[in-house]
Amino acid sequence: DPDGQYDLSALLEQLTAGSEGRQAQPVRVFPIAYGADADLATLQRIAEATNAAVYDASEPGSIRKVFAAVISNF
């Protein structure tokens, strides 16, 4: 977040709270890196915190394949 409104540490803490028994089924987050400015490292941390995967769609033409890959997780 370029404006500093969102804190990654707080987000990761909230996301991992579900894996400690607060939720019956924690939400899995599948981030998609879209565009050249996407922060793939941060998206990877979010995905790992929720036992999911990050997908790279930095090439706009790959977005259809990326969405298909995300959907295949369900």
PDB file of N, CA and C in Angstrom:
ATOM      1  N   ASP A   1       0.849  -1.176   0.000  1.00  0.00           N
ATOM      2  CA  ASP A   1       0.000   0.000   0.000  1.00  0.00           C
ATOM      3  C   ASP A   1       0.892   1.235   0.000  1.00  0.00           C
ATOM      4  N   PRO A   2       0.929   1.974  -1.081  1.00  0.00           N
ATOM      5  CA  PRO A   2       1.809   3.142  -1.154  1.00  0.00           C
ATOM      6  C   PRO A   2       1.436   4.259  -0.188  1.00  0.00           C
ATOM      7  N   ASP A   3       0.197   4.310   0.260  1.00  0.00           N
ATOM      8  CA  ASP A   3      -0.233   5.367   1.178  1.00  0.00           C
ATOM      9  C   ASP A   3      -0.020   5.005   2.640  1.00  0.00           C
ATOM     10  N   GLY A   4       0.384   3.785   2.920  1.00  0.00           N
ATOM     11  CA  GLY A   4       0.633   3.367   4.288  1.00  0.00           C
ATOM     12  C   GLY A   4      -0.617   3.151   5.119  1.00  0.00           C
ATOM     13  N   GLN A   5      -1.754   2.974   4.477  1.00  0.00           N
ATOM     14  CA  GLN A   5      -3.001   2.778   5.208  1.00  0.00           C
ATOM     15  C   GLN A   5      -3.155   1.349   5.717  1.00  0.00           C
ATOM     16  N   TYR A   6      -2.518   0.419   5.039  1.00  0.00           N
ATOM     17  CA  TYR A   6      -2.653  -0.985   5.405  1.00  0.00           C
ATOM     18  C   TYR A   6      -1.308  -1.516   5.871  1.00  0.00           C
ATOM     19  N   ASP A   7      -1.319  -2.256   6.944  1.00  0.00           N
ATOM     20  CA  ASP A   7      -0.105  -2.804   7.522  1.00  0.00           C
ATOM     21  C   ASP A   7      -0.032  -4.290   7.189  1.00  0.00           C
ATOM     22  N   LEU A   8       1.005  -4.692   6.466  1.00  0.00           N
ATOM     23  CA  LEU A   8       1.145  -6.080   6.052  1.00  0.00           C
ATOM     24  C   LEU A   8       1.210  -7.017   7.248  1.00  0.00           C
ATOM     25  N   SER A   9       1.921  -6.635   8.285  1.00  0.00           N
ATOM     26  CA  SER A   9       2.034  -7.492   9.471  1.00  0.00           C
ATOM     27  C   SER A   9       0.671  -7.748  10.099  1.00  0.00           C
ATOM     28  N   ALA A  10      -0.144  -6.709  10.205  1.00  0.00           N
ATOM     29  CA  ALA A  10      -1.487  -6.873  10.778  1.00  0.00           C
ATOM     30  C   ALA A  10      -2.348  -7.756   9.886  1.00  0.00           C
ATOM     31  N   LEU A  11      -2.236  -7.575   8.581  1.00  0.00           N
ATOM     32  CA  LEU A  11      -2.999  -8.408   7.654  1.00  0.00           C
ATOM     33  C   LEU A  11      -2.598  -9.868   7.787  1.00  0.00           C
ATOM     34  N   LEU A  12      -1.301 -10.142   7.803  1.00  0.00           N
ATOM     35  CA  LEU A  12      -0.828 -11.521   7.928  1.00  0.00           C
ATOM     36  C   LEU A  12      -1.280 -12.137   9.244  1.00  0.00           C
ATOM     37  N   GLU A  13      -1.279 -11.351  10.303  1.00  0.00           N
ATOM     38  CA  GLU A  13      -1.740 -11.843  11.603  1.00  0.00           C
ATOM     39  C   GLU A  13      -3.215 -12.224  11.537  1.00  0.00           C
ATOM     40  N   GLN A  14      -4.018 -11.392  10.909  1.00  0.00           N
ATOM     41  CA  GLN A  14      -5.444 -11.695  10.784  1.00  0.00           C
ATOM     42  C   GLN A  14      -5.674 -12.924   9.918  1.00  0.00           C
ATOM     43  N   LEU A  15      -4.922 -13.040   8.853  1.00  0.00           N
ATOM     44  CA  LEU A  15      -5.093 -14.180   7.957  1.00  0.00           C
ATOM     45  C   LEU A  15      -4.691 -15.488   8.620  1.00  0.00           C
ATOM     46  N   THR A  16      -3.644 -15.467   9.416  1.00  0.00           N
ATOM     47  CA  THR A  16      -3.188 -16.698  10.058  1.00  0.00           C
ATOM     48  C   THR A  16      -3.976 -17.024  11.312  1.00  0.00           C
ATOM     49  N   ALA A  17      -4.746 -16.087  11.829  1.00  0.00           N
ATOM     50  CA  ALA A  17      -5.550 -16.356  13.028  1.00  0.00           C
ATOM     51  C   ALA A  17      -6.523 -17.493  12.773  1.00  0.00           C
ATOM     52  N   GLY A  18      -7.039 -17.590  11.561  1.00  0.00           N
ATOM     53  CA  GLY A  18      -7.968 -18.664  11.228  1.00  0.00           C
ATOM     54  C   GLY A  18      -7.330 -20.029  11.304  1.00  0.00           C
ATOM     55  N   SER A  19      -6.038 -20.120  11.050  1.00  0.00           N
ATOM     56  CA  SER A  19      -5.372 -21.415  11.090  1.00  0.00           C
ATOM     57  C   SER A  19      -5.074 -21.861  12.514  1.00  0.00           C
ATOM     58  N   GLU A  20      -5.349 -21.007  13.479  1.00  0.00           N
ATOM     59  CA  GLU A  20      -5.112 -21.348  14.880  1.00  0.00           C
ATOM     60  C   GLU A  20      -6.405 -21.703  15.596  1.00  0.00           C
ATOM     61  N   GLY A  21      -7.442 -22.030  14.841  1.00  0.00           N
ATOM     62  CA  GLY A  21      -8.660 -22.511  15.455  1.00  0.00           C
ATOM     63  C   GLY A  21      -9.769 -21.500  15.629  1.00  0.00           C
ATOM     64  N   ARG A  22      -9.560 -20.253  15.245  1.00  0.00           N
ATOM     65  CA  ARG A  22     -10.625 -19.260  15.388  1.00  0.00           C
ATOM     66  C   ARG A  22     -11.725 -19.454  14.357  1.00  0.00           C
ATOM     67  N   GLN A  23     -11.379 -20.012  13.228  1.00  0.00           N
ATOM     68  CA  GLN A  23     -12.349 -20.270  12.174  1.00  0.00           C
ATOM     69  C   GLN A  23     -12.314 -21.754  11.846  1.00  0.00           C
ATOM     70  N   ALA A  24     -13.471 -22.305  11.537  1.00  0.00           N
ATOM     71  CA  ALA A  24     -13.511 -23.718  11.175  1.00  0.00           C
ATOM     72  C   ALA A  24     -12.722 -23.960   9.890  1.00  0.00           C
ATOM     73  N   GLN A  25     -12.873 -23.085   8.924  1.00  0.00           N
ATOM     74  CA  GLN A  25     -12.139 -23.188   7.672  1.00  0.00           C
ATOM     75  C   GLN A  25     -11.561 -21.817   7.335  1.00  0.00           C
ATOM     76  N   PRO A  26     -10.280 -21.639   7.537  1.00  0.00           N
ATOM     77  CA  PRO A  26      -9.675 -20.343   7.223  1.00  0.00           C
ATOM     78  C   PRO A  26      -9.827 -20.019   5.734  1.00  0.00           C
ATOM     79  N   VAL A  27      -9.912 -18.767   5.432  1.00  0.00           N
ATOM     80  CA  VAL A  27     -10.022 -18.321   4.049  1.00  0.00           C
ATOM     81  C   VAL A  27      -8.658 -18.432   3.384  1.00  0.00           C
ATOM     82  N   ARG A  28      -8.635 -19.032   2.209  1.00  0.00           N
ATOM     83  CA  ARG A  28      -7.404 -19.092   1.430  1.00  0.00           C
ATOM     84  C   ARG A  28      -7.411 -17.925   0.451  1.00  0.00           C
ATOM     85  N   VAL A  29      -6.295 -17.224   0.380  1.00  0.00           N
ATOM     86  CA  VAL A  29      -6.173 -16.064  -0.500  1.00  0.00           C
ATOM     87  C   VAL A  29      -5.196 -16.411  -1.617  1.00  0.00           C
ATOM     88  N   PHE A  30      -5.655 -16.275  -2.851  1.00  0.00           N
ATOM     89  CA  PHE A  30      -4.844 -16.552  -4.029  1.00  0.00           C
ATOM     90  C   PHE A  30      -4.557 -15.233  -4.746  1.00  0.00           C
ATOM     91  N   PRO A  31      -3.511 -14.522  -4.335  1.00  0.00           N
ATOM     92  CA  PRO A  31      -3.209 -13.226  -4.959  1.00  0.00           C
ATOM     93  C   PRO A  31      -2.766 -13.394  -6.413  1.00  0.00           C
ATOM     94  N   ILE A  32      -3.111 -12.409  -7.219  1.00  0.00           N
ATOM     95  CA  ILE A  32      -2.685 -12.381  -8.616  1.00  0.00           C
ATOM     96  C   ILE A  32      -1.873 -11.107  -8.832  1.00  0.00           C
ATOM     97  N   ALA A  33      -0.621 -11.283  -9.211  1.00  0.00           N
ATOM     98  CA  ALA A  33       0.253 -10.153  -9.529  1.00  0.00           C
ATOM     99  C   ALA A  33      -0.074  -9.711 -10.945  1.00  0.00           C
ATOM    100  N   TYR A  34      -0.645  -8.527 -11.078  1.00  0.00           N
ATOM    101  CA  TYR A  34      -1.067  -8.033 -12.390  1.00  0.00           C
ATOM    102  C   TYR A  34      -0.347  -6.728 -12.697  1.00  0.00           C
ATOM    103  N   GLY A  35       0.386  -6.723 -13.767  1.00  0.00           N
ATOM    104  CA  GLY A  35       1.102  -5.523 -14.178  1.00  0.00           C
ATOM    105  C   GLY A  35       2.546  -5.527 -13.703  1.00  0.00           C
ATOM    106  N   ALA A  36       3.317  -4.658 -14.298  1.00  0.00           N
ATOM    107  CA  ALA A  36       4.756  -4.607 -14.034  1.00  0.00           C
ATOM    108  C   ALA A  36       5.095  -4.139 -12.622  1.00  0.00           C
ATOM    109  N   ASP A  37       4.204  -3.395 -11.983  1.00  0.00           N
ATOM    110  CA  ASP A  37       4.490  -2.845 -10.658  1.00  0.00           C
ATOM    111  C   ASP A  37       4.004  -3.721  -9.508  1.00  0.00           C
ATOM    112  N   ALA A  38       3.482  -4.885  -9.800  1.00  0.00           N
ATOM    113  CA  ALA A  38       2.965  -5.765  -8.742  1.00  0.00           C
ATOM    114  C   ALA A  38       4.101  -6.202  -7.824  1.00  0.00           C
ATOM    115  N   ASP A  39       3.837  -6.221  -6.533  1.00  0.00           N
ATOM    116  CA  ASP A  39       4.826  -6.618  -5.526  1.00  0.00           C
ATOM    117  C   ASP A  39       4.688  -8.118  -5.276  1.00  0.00           C
ATOM    118  N   LEU A  40       5.364  -8.900  -6.094  1.00  0.00           N
ATOM    119  CA  LEU A  40       5.247 -10.357  -6.045  1.00  0.00           C
ATOM    120  C   LEU A  40       5.682 -10.927  -4.701  1.00  0.00           C
ATOM    121  N   ALA A  41       6.704 -10.355  -4.087  1.00  0.00           N
ATOM    122  CA  ALA A  41       7.188 -10.860  -2.796  1.00  0.00           C
ATOM    123  C   ALA A  41       6.129 -10.705  -1.707  1.00  0.00           C
ATOM    124  N   THR A  42       5.458  -9.575  -1.672  1.00  0.00           N
ATOM    125  CA  THR A  42       4.402  -9.361  -0.676  1.00  0.00           C
ATOM    126  C   THR A  42       3.224 -10.283  -0.941  1.00  0.00           C
ATOM    127  N   LEU A  43       2.848 -10.423  -2.203  1.00  0.00           N
ATOM    128  CA  LEU A  43       1.745 -11.324  -2.544  1.00  0.00           C
ATOM    129  C   LEU A  43       2.081 -12.763  -2.175  1.00  0.00           C
ATOM    130  N   GLN A  44       3.346 -13.141  -2.322  1.00  0.00           N
ATOM    131  CA  GLN A  44       3.779 -14.486  -1.939  1.00  0.00           C
ATOM    132  C   GLN A  44       3.604 -14.696  -0.441  1.00  0.00           C
ATOM    133  N   ARG A  45       3.937 -13.701   0.355  1.00  0.00           N
ATOM    134  CA  ARG A  45       3.776 -13.809   1.813  1.00  0.00           C
ATOM    135  C   ARG A  45       2.310 -13.982   2.186  1.00  0.00           C
ATOM    136  N   ILE A  46       1.425 -13.258   1.513  1.00  0.00           N
ATOM    137  CA  ILE A  46      -0.007 -13.375   1.779  1.00  0.00           C
ATOM    138  C   ILE A  46      -0.493 -14.775   1.412  1.00  0.00           C
ATOM    139  N   ALA A  47      -0.081 -15.264   0.269  1.00  0.00           N
ATOM    140  CA  ALA A  47      -0.486 -16.602  -0.160  1.00  0.00           C
ATOM    141  C   ALA A  47       0.016 -17.664   0.812  1.00  0.00           C
ATOM    142  N   GLU A  48       1.263 -17.587   1.210  1.00  0.00           N
ATOM    143  CA  GLU A  48       1.827 -18.570   2.135  1.00  0.00           C
ATOM    144  C   GLU A  48       1.117 -18.542   3.481  1.00  0.00           C
ATOM    145  N   ALA A  49       0.717 -17.364   3.933  1.00  0.00           N
ATOM    146  CA  ALA A  49       0.037 -17.239   5.221  1.00  0.00           C
ATOM    147  C   ALA A  49      -1.317 -17.931   5.218  1.00  0.00           C
ATOM    148  N   THR A  50      -1.894 -18.116   4.034  1.00  0.00           N
ATOM    149  CA  THR A  50      -3.222 -18.722   3.942  1.00  0.00           C
ATOM    150  C   THR A  50      -3.192 -20.089   3.270  1.00  0.00           C
ATOM    151  N   ASN A  51      -2.010 -20.675   3.189  1.00  0.00           N
ATOM    152  CA  ASN A  51      -1.847 -21.998   2.585  1.00  0.00           C
ATOM    153  C   ASN A  51      -2.376 -22.012   1.152  1.00  0.00           C
ATOM    154  N   ALA A  52      -2.017 -20.983   0.409  1.00  0.00           N
ATOM    155  CA  ALA A  52      -2.459 -20.852  -0.974  1.00  0.00           C
ATOM    156  C   ALA A  52      -1.245 -20.600  -1.863  1.00  0.00           C
ATOM    157  N   ALA A  53      -1.484 -20.099  -3.057  1.00  0.00           N
ATOM    158  CA  ALA A  53      -0.407 -19.825  -4.003  1.00  0.00           C
ATOM    159  C   ALA A  53      -0.627 -18.459  -4.629  1.00  0.00           C
ATOM    160  N   VAL A  54       0.474 -17.856  -5.040  1.00  0.00           N
ATOM    161  CA  VAL A  54       0.399 -16.585  -5.760  1.00  0.00           C
ATOM    162  C   VAL A  54       0.556 -16.887  -7.246  1.00  0.00           C
ATOM    163  N   TYR A  55      -0.105 -16.103  -8.060  1.00  0.00           N
ATOM    164  CA  TYR A  55      -0.048 -16.290  -9.501  1.00  0.00           C
ATOM    165  C   TYR A  55       0.466 -15.018 -10.151  1.00  0.00           C
ATOM    166  N   ASP A  56       1.331 -15.197 -11.149  1.00  0.00           N
ATOM    167  CA  ASP A  56       1.961 -14.068 -11.824  1.00  0.00           C
ATOM    168  C   ASP A  56       1.287 -13.824 -13.171  1.00  0.00           C
ATOM    169  N   ALA A  57       0.583 -12.717 -13.278  1.00  0.00           N
ATOM    170  CA  ALA A  57      -0.038 -12.306 -14.533  1.00  0.00           C
ATOM    171  C   ALA A  57       0.541 -10.957 -14.944  1.00  0.00           C
ATOM    172  N   SER A  58       1.848 -10.813 -14.775  1.00  0.00           N
ATOM    173  CA  SER A  58       2.478  -9.537 -15.110  1.00  0.00           C
ATOM    174  C   SER A  58       2.387  -9.248 -16.605  1.00  0.00           C
ATOM    175  N   GLU A  59       2.237 -10.284 -17.397  1.00  0.00           N
ATOM    176  CA  GLU A  59       1.973 -10.113 -18.826  1.00  0.00           C
ATOM    177  C   GLU A  59       0.464 -10.106 -19.012  1.00  0.00           C
ATOM    178  N   PRO A  60      -0.127  -9.002 -19.440  1.00  0.00           N
ATOM    179  CA  PRO A  60      -1.585  -8.910 -19.540  1.00  0.00           C
ATOM    180  C   PRO A  60      -2.230 -10.043 -20.337  1.00  0.00           C
ATOM    181  N   GLY A  61      -1.556 -10.571 -21.319  1.00  0.00           N
ATOM    182  CA  GLY A  61      -2.114 -11.654 -22.123  1.00  0.00           C
ATOM    183  C   GLY A  61      -2.256 -12.966 -21.378  1.00  0.00           C
ATOM    184  N   SER A  62      -1.644 -13.073 -20.211  1.00  0.00           N
ATOM    185  CA  SER A  62      -1.684 -14.328 -19.454  1.00  0.00           C
ATOM    186  C   SER A  62      -2.834 -14.398 -18.455  1.00  0.00           C
ATOM    187  N   ILE A  63      -3.634 -13.352 -18.351  1.00  0.00           N
ATOM    188  CA  ILE A  63      -4.635 -13.290 -17.287  1.00  0.00           C
ATOM    189  C   ILE A  63      -5.670 -14.410 -17.390  1.00  0.00           C
ATOM    190  N   ARG A  64      -6.081 -14.797 -18.579  1.00  0.00           N
ATOM    191  CA  ARG A  64      -7.056 -15.893 -18.715  1.00  0.00           C
ATOM    192  C   ARG A  64      -6.493 -17.198 -18.166  1.00  0.00           C
ATOM    193  N   LYS A  65      -5.250 -17.491 -18.509  1.00  0.00           N
ATOM    194  CA  LYS A  65      -4.620 -18.720 -18.011  1.00  0.00           C
ATOM    195  C   LYS A  65      -4.461 -18.672 -16.497  1.00  0.00           C
ATOM    196  N   VAL A  66      -4.135 -17.512 -15.977  1.00  0.00           N
ATOM    197  CA  VAL A  66      -3.957 -17.368 -14.533  1.00  0.00           C
ATOM    198  C   VAL A  66      -5.281 -17.595 -13.810  1.00  0.00           C
ATOM    199  N   PHE A  67      -6.356 -16.997 -14.295  1.00  0.00           N
ATOM    200  CA  PHE A  67      -7.661 -17.214 -13.664  1.00  0.00           C
ATOM    201  C   PHE A  67      -8.053 -18.689 -13.718  1.00  0.00           C
ATOM    202  N   ALA A  68      -7.785 -19.349 -14.830  1.00  0.00           N
ATOM    203  CA  ALA A  68      -8.083 -20.780 -14.934  1.00  0.00           C
ATOM    204  C   ALA A  68      -7.276 -21.570 -13.906  1.00  0.00           C
ATOM    205  N   ALA A  69      -6.025 -21.187 -13.705  1.00  0.00           N
ATOM    206  CA  ALA A  69      -5.188 -21.871 -12.717  1.00  0.00           C
ATOM    207  C   ALA A  69      -5.705 -21.645 -11.303  1.00  0.00           C
ATOM    208  N   VAL A  70      -6.139 -20.431 -11.001  1.00  0.00           N
ATOM    209  CA  VAL A  70      -6.685 -20.139  -9.674  1.00  0.00           C
ATOM    210  C   VAL A  70      -7.940 -20.969  -9.439  1.00  0.00           C
ATOM    211  N   ILE A  71      -8.831 -20.989 -10.400  1.00  0.00           N
ATOM    212  CA  ILE A  71     -10.087 -21.731 -10.265  1.00  0.00           C
ATOM    213  C   ILE A  71      -9.841 -23.219 -10.089  1.00  0.00           C
ATOM    214  N   SER A  72      -8.772 -23.734 -10.640  1.00  0.00           N
ATOM    215  CA  SER A  72      -8.490 -25.169 -10.525  1.00  0.00           C
ATOM    216  C   SER A  72      -8.204 -25.592  -9.086  1.00  0.00           C
ATOM    217  N   ASN A  73      -8.045 -24.645  -8.180  1.00  0.00           N
ATOM    218  CA  ASN A  73      -7.811 -24.962  -6.773  1.00  0.00           C
ATOM    219  C   ASN A  73      -9.094 -25.330  -6.038  1.00  0.00           C
ATOM    220  N   PHE A  74     -10.233 -25.208  -6.691  1.00  0.00           N
ATOM    221  CA  PHE A  74     -11.511 -25.427  -6.017  1.00  0.00           C
ATOM    222  C   PHE A  74     -12.274 -26.578  -6.597  1.00  0.00           C
TER     223      PHE A  74
END
